[in-house]
Amino acid sequence: MRLKKDYRYILFDLDRTLWDFDSNARNNIFSLLDKHKVQVSDKSEFFKTYDEINHKLWSQYERGEIKKEDLRWLRFHNAFLHYGIDDRSFATDFGEEYLEEMPNQNILMPHAKEVLKELSERGVKMALISNGFKEVQYRKLRNSGIDGYFSAVMISEEQGVHKPSPVIFKRALKAINGEKSSALMVGDDFANDIEGAMIFGIDQFFYNYKNIPCDGGPTYDSSDLRDLIRPD
């Protein structure tokens, strides 16, 4: 697949688009379970349980239904409950240690750095938009060695607004002096990244690495970030 036009401004999501959230989270949680000798029958099953709970709670957080502080401990407390562990204090400490260690994991999505490097060399201006926690996201960028590619970073917590609100897209594009007609949003989350970009009025690159059936009609639907740099 090749892009239909030459985009001069590209907005990127971070987690699961550039930074391999699932692999990094799994490695981090496995390490913490071992460190604290948590008795779970199967670490992979525990992670699956946690991931489902975390996804639901994140959606509530993005809708403003729960606070950040509650999300940080509830996701682990609720996961531990499935294994007969009902200890809010431990879940809180585990959650804080998880966040502290998370940015030290630095696995990127396939070809992420290669693509960012090529786009940068072509003179494309790039900004990053993330709904993650500010104290974690900046460290992820720095520790994985991709922070230097972005002229602007928009973290929802700092901006007071989450994707898919068009407000955060507008601020990101303005920060790099971009124009809508030459702008592209790249992300893996259809609701937050792709529909948000649609509402804002810029083209969208749905990084569909899980090959999810898609009826929403994004400008591009691809499982390979290298499609962003295919030659004309």
Foldseek 3Di string as FASTA:
>chain_A
DADPDAFQEEEEEADPFWFPQLVLLLVLQVVLCVVVVPDDPDSVVLSVQLVVLLVVVVVCVQVVNDDPLCSLQVSQQVSVVVVVDRDSVVSSVSSVVSLVCSLLDADTDPCNVVLLVVSVVVNRAYEYEYQDDPVRVVSNCVNNPNVVSHQYYHYCVVVVHAFLALVSVVVRCVSRPHDQARYEYEDQDCRGTQVSNVVNRHAYAHCPLVPDDDDPDGSHYHVDPCSHPDDD
